């Protein structure tokens, strides 16, 4: 028995490992799983859209109240409008993501898990 390992055996094992890794990488890229932080980015995008709508509504309402010298009438009105705009933008983003996921699924009977329609 020889104590020194066979270099050809190591090269063969290394090539087999590289082939397995390459096969896994192509499967992950086809499934769109290359970015593990996608869900977190999507959540932050939606939060930022909502906060931006609220902030813009607050700014416009506060400015109009200061300009006209009124009670916080415009402030409340525009904060509510900003909230509605932020929610609408979040829903639009969620629909966009859902369409991408449904387009990426294979098969004619691809459905969303939360879809309860027949």
N, C-alpha and C. Protein backbone atom coordinates (compact mmCIF):
# COMPACT_ATOMS: atom_id res chain seq x y z
N UNK A 1 0.83 -1.18 0.00
CA UNK A 1 0.00 0.00 0.00
C UNK A 1 0.86 1.23 0.00
N UNK A 2 0.43 2.17 -0.71
CA UNK A 2 1.17 3.42 -0.81
C UNK A 2 0.52 4.47 0.07
N UNK A 3 1.32 5.21 0.80
CA UNK A 3 0.80 6.26 1.66
C UNK A 3 0.49 7.54 0.88
N UNK A 4 1.11 7.73 -0.24
CA UNK A 4 0.86 8.95 -1.01
C UNK A 4 -0.38 8.76 -1.88
N UNK A 5 -1.28 9.73 -1.86
CA UNK A 5 -2.49 9.60 -2.66
C UNK A 5 -2.17 9.76 -4.14
N UNK A 6 -3.00 9.16 -4.93
CA UNK A 6 -2.83 9.21 -6.38
C UNK A 6 -3.31 10.57 -6.90
N UNK A 7 -2.44 11.37 -7.55
CA UNK A 7 -2.85 12.68 -8.05
C UNK A 7 -3.91 12.58 -9.15
N UNK A 8 -3.92 11.54 -9.91
CA UNK A 8 -4.92 11.38 -10.96
C UNK A 8 -6.30 11.18 -10.35
N UNK A 9 -6.35 10.47 -9.22
CA UNK A 9 -7.62 10.25 -8.53
C UNK A 9 -8.19 11.57 -8.01
N UNK A 10 -7.33 12.42 -7.48
CA UNK A 10 -7.78 13.73 -7.00
C UNK A 10 -8.29 14.59 -8.15
N UNK A 11 -7.61 14.53 -9.26
CA UNK A 11 -8.04 15.33 -10.41
C UNK A 11 -9.40 14.84 -10.91
N UNK A 12 -9.60 13.54 -10.92
CA UNK A 12 -10.88 12.98 -11.36
C UNK A 12 -12.00 13.38 -10.41
N UNK A 13 -11.71 13.29 -9.10
CA UNK A 13 -12.72 13.68 -8.11
C UNK A 13 -13.05 15.17 -8.21
N UNK A 14 -12.02 15.99 -8.45
CA UNK A 14 -12.22 17.43 -8.57
C UNK A 14 -13.07 17.76 -9.80
N UNK A 15 -12.81 17.09 -10.90
CA UNK A 15 -13.61 17.31 -12.11
C UNK A 15 -15.06 16.88 -11.90
N UNK A 16 -15.26 15.77 -11.20
CA UNK A 16 -16.63 15.32 -10.92
C UNK A 16 -17.36 16.33 -10.03
N UNK A 17 -16.66 16.86 -9.04
CA UNK A 17 -17.26 17.86 -8.17
C UNK A 17 -17.61 19.13 -8.93
N UNK A 18 -16.72 19.57 -9.80
CA UNK A 18 -17.00 20.77 -10.61
C UNK A 18 -18.19 20.55 -11.53
N UNK A 19 -18.32 19.36 -12.08
CA UNK A 19 -19.46 19.06 -12.94
C UNK A 19 -20.77 19.10 -12.14
N UNK A 20 -20.76 18.55 -10.93
CA UNK A 20 -21.96 18.59 -10.08
C UNK A 20 -22.33 20.03 -9.72
N UNK A 21 -21.33 20.83 -9.37
CA UNK A 21 -21.60 22.23 -9.03
C UNK A 21 -22.14 23.01 -10.22
N UNK A 22 -21.59 22.77 -11.38
CA UNK A 22 -22.07 23.46 -12.58
C UNK A 22 -23.51 23.08 -12.88
N UNK A 23 -23.86 21.80 -12.69
CA UNK A 23 -25.24 21.37 -12.92
C UNK A 23 -26.18 22.04 -11.93
N UNK A 24 -25.78 22.16 -10.68
CA UNK A 24 -26.62 22.80 -9.67
C UNK A 24 -26.78 24.30 -9.96
N UNK A 25 -25.72 24.93 -10.42
CA UNK A 25 -25.79 26.37 -10.73
C UNK A 25 -26.78 26.63 -11.85
N UNK A 26 -26.78 25.79 -12.89
CA UNK A 26 -27.71 26.02 -13.99
C UNK A 26 -29.14 25.81 -13.54
N UNK A 27 -29.38 24.82 -12.67
CA UNK A 27 -30.73 24.59 -12.16
C UNK A 27 -31.18 25.78 -11.32
N UNK A 28 -30.30 26.32 -10.48
CA UNK A 28 -30.65 27.46 -9.64
C UNK A 28 -30.92 28.69 -10.49
N UNK A 29 -30.16 28.89 -11.55
CA UNK A 29 -30.38 30.05 -12.41
C UNK A 29 -31.68 29.92 -13.18
N UNK A 30 -32.03 28.71 -13.61
CA UNK A 30 -33.28 28.51 -14.31
C UNK A 30 -34.47 28.75 -13.40
N UNK A 31 -34.34 28.40 -12.13
CA UNK A 31 -35.42 28.60 -11.17
C UNK A 31 -35.47 30.02 -10.64
N UNK A 32 -34.51 30.86 -10.98
CA UNK A 32 -34.48 32.22 -10.50
C UNK A 32 -34.07 32.33 -9.04
N UNK A 33 -33.31 31.37 -8.55
CA UNK A 33 -32.91 31.34 -7.16
C UNK A 33 -31.48 31.84 -6.97
N UNK A 34 -30.96 32.61 -7.91
CA UNK A 34 -29.59 33.07 -7.78
C UNK A 34 -29.47 34.15 -6.72
N UNK A 35 -30.52 34.89 -6.47
CA UNK A 35 -30.48 35.95 -5.49
C UNK A 35 -31.29 35.53 -4.27
N UNK A 36 -30.62 35.17 -3.20
CA UNK A 36 -31.30 34.71 -2.01
C UNK A 36 -32.00 35.81 -1.24
N UNK A 37 -31.69 37.04 -1.56
CA UNK A 37 -32.27 38.16 -0.83
C UNK A 37 -33.45 38.80 -1.58
N UNK A 38 -33.99 38.12 -2.56
CA UNK A 38 -35.05 38.71 -3.38
C UNK A 38 -36.30 39.05 -2.57
N UNK A 39 -36.70 38.15 -1.69
CA UNK A 39 -37.91 38.39 -0.90
C UNK A 39 -37.73 39.57 0.04
N UNK A 40 -36.55 39.68 0.63
CA UNK A 40 -36.27 40.81 1.51
C UNK A 40 -36.26 42.13 0.75
N UNK A 41 -35.70 42.12 -0.44
CA UNK A 41 -35.69 43.32 -1.27
C UNK A 41 -37.11 43.72 -1.66
N UNK A 42 -37.92 42.74 -1.97
CA UNK A 42 -39.30 43.02 -2.33
C UNK A 42 -40.06 43.61 -1.16
N UNK A 43 -39.86 43.06 0.03
CA UNK A 43 -40.54 43.59 1.22
C UNK A 43 -40.11 45.03 1.49
N UNK A 44 -38.81 45.30 1.42
CA UNK A 44 -38.36 46.67 1.65
C UNK A 44 -38.87 47.62 0.58
N UNK A 45 -38.96 47.15 -0.65
CA UNK A 45 -39.49 47.99 -1.73
C UNK A 45 -40.93 48.40 -1.41
N UNK A 46 -41.73 47.46 -0.95
CA UNK A 46 -43.12 47.77 -0.64
C UNK A 46 -43.24 48.70 0.55
N UNK A 47 -42.41 48.50 1.56
CA UNK A 47 -42.43 49.38 2.73
C UNK A 47 -42.03 50.79 2.33
N UNK A 48 -41.01 50.91 1.51
CA UNK A 48 -40.55 52.23 1.08
C UNK A 48 -41.61 52.92 0.24
N UNK A 49 -42.31 52.19 -0.61
CA UNK A 49 -43.39 52.78 -1.41
C UNK A 49 -44.50 53.32 -0.51
N UNK A 50 -44.86 52.58 0.52
CA UNK A 50 -45.90 53.02 1.43
C UNK A 50 -45.46 54.24 2.21
N UNK A 51 -44.25 54.22 2.75
CA UNK A 51 -43.75 55.34 3.53
C UNK A 51 -43.57 56.58 2.65
N UNK A 52 -43.14 56.38 1.41
CA UNK A 52 -42.98 57.50 0.50
C UNK A 52 -44.33 58.16 0.21
N UNK A 53 -45.36 57.36 0.00
CA UNK A 53 -46.70 57.92 -0.22
C UNK A 53 -47.18 58.72 0.99
N UNK A 54 -46.95 58.17 2.18
CA UNK A 54 -47.33 58.88 3.40
C UNK A 54 -46.53 60.17 3.56
N UNK A 55 -45.23 60.10 3.30
CA UNK A 55 -44.37 61.27 3.46
C UNK A 55 -44.72 62.38 2.48
N UNK A 56 -44.97 62.02 1.25
CA UNK A 56 -45.35 63.03 0.25
C UNK A 56 -46.69 63.65 0.61
N UNK A 57 -47.65 62.82 1.02
CA UNK A 57 -48.95 63.35 1.44
C UNK A 57 -48.82 64.27 2.65
N UNK A 58 -47.97 63.88 3.61
CA UNK A 58 -47.76 64.71 4.78
C UNK A 58 -47.14 66.05 4.39
N UNK A 59 -46.15 66.02 3.51
CA UNK A 59 -45.48 67.24 3.08
C UNK A 59 -46.42 68.19 2.37
N UNK A 60 -47.20 67.67 1.46
CA UNK A 60 -48.14 68.53 0.71
C UNK A 60 -49.20 69.08 1.65
N UNK A 61 -49.76 68.24 2.50
CA UNK A 61 -50.81 68.69 3.42
C UNK A 61 -50.30 69.72 4.41
N UNK A 62 -49.13 69.49 4.97
CA UNK A 62 -48.56 70.43 5.93
C UNK A 62 -48.25 71.77 5.26
N UNK A 63 -47.71 71.71 4.05
CA UNK A 63 -47.40 72.95 3.32
C UNK A 63 -48.66 73.74 3.02
N UNK A 64 -49.71 73.07 2.58
CA UNK A 64 -50.96 73.77 2.29
C UNK A 64 -51.57 74.35 3.55
N UNK A 65 -51.51 73.62 4.65
CA UNK A 65 -52.03 74.14 5.92
C UNK A 65 -51.25 75.37 6.37
N UNK A 66 -49.95 75.35 6.23
CA UNK A 66 -49.14 76.52 6.60
C UNK A 66 -49.43 77.69 5.67
N UNK A 67 -49.60 77.42 4.39
CA UNK A 67 -49.84 78.48 3.42
C UNK A 67 -51.20 79.15 3.66
N UNK A 68 -52.24 78.35 3.88
CA UNK A 68 -53.58 78.89 4.06
C UNK A 68 -53.89 79.22 5.53
N UNK A 69 -53.07 78.79 6.45
CA UNK A 69 -53.29 79.05 7.87
C UNK A 69 -54.50 78.33 8.42
N UNK A 70 -54.76 77.16 7.91
CA UNK A 70 -55.93 76.39 8.35
C UNK A 70 -55.53 75.39 9.43
N UNK A 71 -56.52 74.80 10.02
CA UNK A 71 -56.28 73.69 10.93
C UNK A 71 -55.70 72.53 10.12
N UNK A 72 -55.32 71.45 10.74
CA UNK A 72 -54.70 70.38 9.95
C UNK A 72 -55.68 69.65 9.03
N UNK A 73 -56.49 70.42 8.34
CA UNK A 73 -57.46 69.85 7.40
C UNK A 73 -56.75 69.23 6.21
N UNK A 74 -55.90 69.99 5.55
CA UNK A 74 -55.20 69.47 4.38
C UNK A 74 -54.20 68.39 4.77
N UNK A 75 -53.63 68.52 5.95
CA UNK A 75 -52.68 67.51 6.43
C UNK A 75 -53.35 66.15 6.51
N UNK A 76 -54.49 66.08 7.15
CA UNK A 76 -55.21 64.82 7.29
C UNK A 76 -55.66 64.30 5.93
N UNK A 77 -56.18 65.20 5.10
CA UNK A 77 -56.67 64.81 3.78
C UNK A 77 -55.55 64.22 2.93
N UNK A 78 -54.41 64.91 2.88
CA UNK A 78 -53.34 64.44 2.02
C UNK A 78 -52.58 63.24 2.60
N UNK A 79 -52.55 63.10 3.91
CA UNK A 79 -51.96 61.88 4.48
C UNK A 79 -52.81 60.68 4.10
N UNK A 80 -54.12 60.82 4.14
CA UNK A 80 -55.00 59.71 3.73
C UNK A 80 -54.85 59.42 2.24
N UNK A 81 -54.73 60.47 1.43
CA UNK A 81 -54.53 60.26 -0.01
C UNK A 81 -53.16 59.60 -0.27
N UNK A 82 -52.14 60.00 0.48
CA UNK A 82 -50.82 59.38 0.35
C UNK A 82 -50.84 57.92 0.77
N UNK A 83 -51.59 57.60 1.82
CA UNK A 83 -51.73 56.21 2.24
C UNK A 83 -52.40 55.39 1.15
N UNK A 84 -53.46 55.94 0.57
CA UNK A 84 -54.15 55.22 -0.51
C UNK A 84 -53.23 55.02 -1.71
N UNK A 85 -52.45 56.05 -2.06
CA UNK A 85 -51.53 55.93 -3.19
C UNK A 85 -50.44 54.90 -2.89
N UNK A 86 -49.92 54.89 -1.66
CA UNK A 86 -48.90 53.91 -1.30
C UNK A 86 -49.41 52.49 -1.35
N UNK A 87 -50.64 52.28 -0.87
CA UNK A 87 -51.23 50.93 -0.90
C UNK A 87 -51.48 50.50 -2.34
N UNK A 88 -51.94 51.43 -3.17
CA UNK A 88 -52.17 51.10 -4.57
C UNK A 88 -50.87 50.71 -5.26
N UNK A 89 -49.80 51.42 -4.96
CA UNK A 89 -48.50 51.10 -5.55
C UNK A 89 -48.00 49.74 -5.05
N UNK A 90 -48.21 49.45 -3.76
CA UNK A 90 -47.81 48.14 -3.22
C UNK A 90 -48.57 47.01 -3.92
N UNK A 91 -49.85 47.20 -4.13
CA UNK A 91 -50.66 46.17 -4.80
C UNK A 91 -50.18 45.97 -6.23
N UNK A 92 -49.85 47.06 -6.90
CA UNK A 92 -49.34 46.96 -8.27
C UNK A 92 -48.02 46.19 -8.30
N UNK A 93 -47.15 46.44 -7.34
CA UNK A 93 -45.87 45.72 -7.26
C UNK A 93 -46.10 44.24 -6.98
N UNK A 94 -47.03 43.93 -6.10
CA UNK A 94 -47.33 42.53 -5.78
C UNK A 94 -47.91 41.81 -7.01
N UNK A 95 -48.76 42.49 -7.77
CA UNK A 95 -49.29 41.89 -8.99
C UNK A 95 -48.18 41.63 -10.01
N UNK A 96 -47.24 42.55 -10.10
CA UNK A 96 -46.12 42.40 -11.02
C UNK A 96 -45.28 41.18 -10.65
N UNK A 97 -45.00 41.03 -9.37
CA UNK A 97 -44.22 39.89 -8.90
C UNK A 97 -44.98 38.59 -9.12
N UNK A 98 -46.28 38.61 -8.86
CA UNK A 98 -47.09 37.41 -9.05
C UNK A 98 -47.11 36.99 -10.51
N UNK A 99 -47.21 37.95 -11.42
CA UNK A 99 -47.19 37.62 -12.85
C UNK A 99 -45.86 37.02 -13.26
N UNK A 100 -44.76 37.54 -12.70
CA UNK A 100 -43.44 36.98 -13.01
C UNK A 100 -43.32 35.55 -12.50
N UNK A 101 -43.85 35.30 -11.31
CA UNK A 101 -43.77 33.95 -10.75
C UNK A 101 -44.63 32.97 -11.55
N UNK A 102 -45.81 33.39 -11.95
CA UNK A 102 -46.69 32.51 -12.72
C UNK A 102 -46.11 32.25 -14.10
N UNK A 103 -45.45 33.25 -14.69
CA UNK A 103 -44.84 33.06 -16.00
C UNK A 103 -43.65 32.11 -15.90
N UNK A 104 -42.98 32.09 -14.76
CA UNK A 104 -41.81 31.23 -14.57
C UNK A 104 -42.15 29.79 -14.27
N UNK A 105 -43.39 29.52 -13.84
CA UNK A 105 -43.77 28.15 -13.52
C UNK A 105 -44.03 27.38 -14.80
N UNK A 106 -43.75 26.09 -14.75
CA UNK A 106 -43.94 25.26 -15.92
C UNK A 106 -45.27 24.53 -15.84
N UNK A 107 -45.79 24.20 -16.98
CA UNK A 107 -47.01 23.41 -17.03
C UNK A 107 -48.23 24.27 -17.28
N UNK A 108 -49.25 23.68 -17.92
CA UNK A 108 -50.45 24.43 -18.24
C UNK A 108 -51.35 24.68 -17.04
N UNK A 109 -51.16 23.96 -15.95
CA UNK A 109 -52.03 24.12 -14.79
C UNK A 109 -51.33 24.85 -13.66
N UNK A 110 -50.39 25.73 -13.99
CA UNK A 110 -49.67 26.48 -12.95
C UNK A 110 -50.62 27.46 -12.30
N UNK A 111 -50.72 27.38 -10.97
CA UNK A 111 -51.60 28.26 -10.20
C UNK A 111 -50.85 28.84 -9.04
N UNK A 112 -51.32 29.96 -8.58
CA UNK A 112 -50.77 30.56 -7.37
C UNK A 112 -51.31 29.79 -6.18
N UNK A 113 -50.50 29.63 -5.13
CA UNK A 113 -50.94 28.88 -3.96
C UNK A 113 -52.12 29.52 -3.27
N UNK A 114 -52.18 30.85 -3.28
CA UNK A 114 -53.26 31.54 -2.59
C UNK A 114 -54.50 31.71 -3.45
N UNK A 115 -54.47 31.24 -4.66
CA UNK A 115 -55.61 31.41 -5.56
C UNK A 115 -56.65 30.35 -5.24
N UNK A 116 -57.83 30.80 -4.79
CA UNK A 116 -58.88 29.86 -4.41
C UNK A 116 -59.95 29.72 -5.49
N UNK A 117 -59.77 30.42 -6.56
CA UNK A 117 -60.75 30.30 -7.65
C UNK A 117 -60.60 28.96 -8.34
N UNK A 118 -61.68 28.46 -8.93
CA UNK A 118 -61.71 27.17 -9.57
C UNK A 118 -60.94 27.06 -10.78
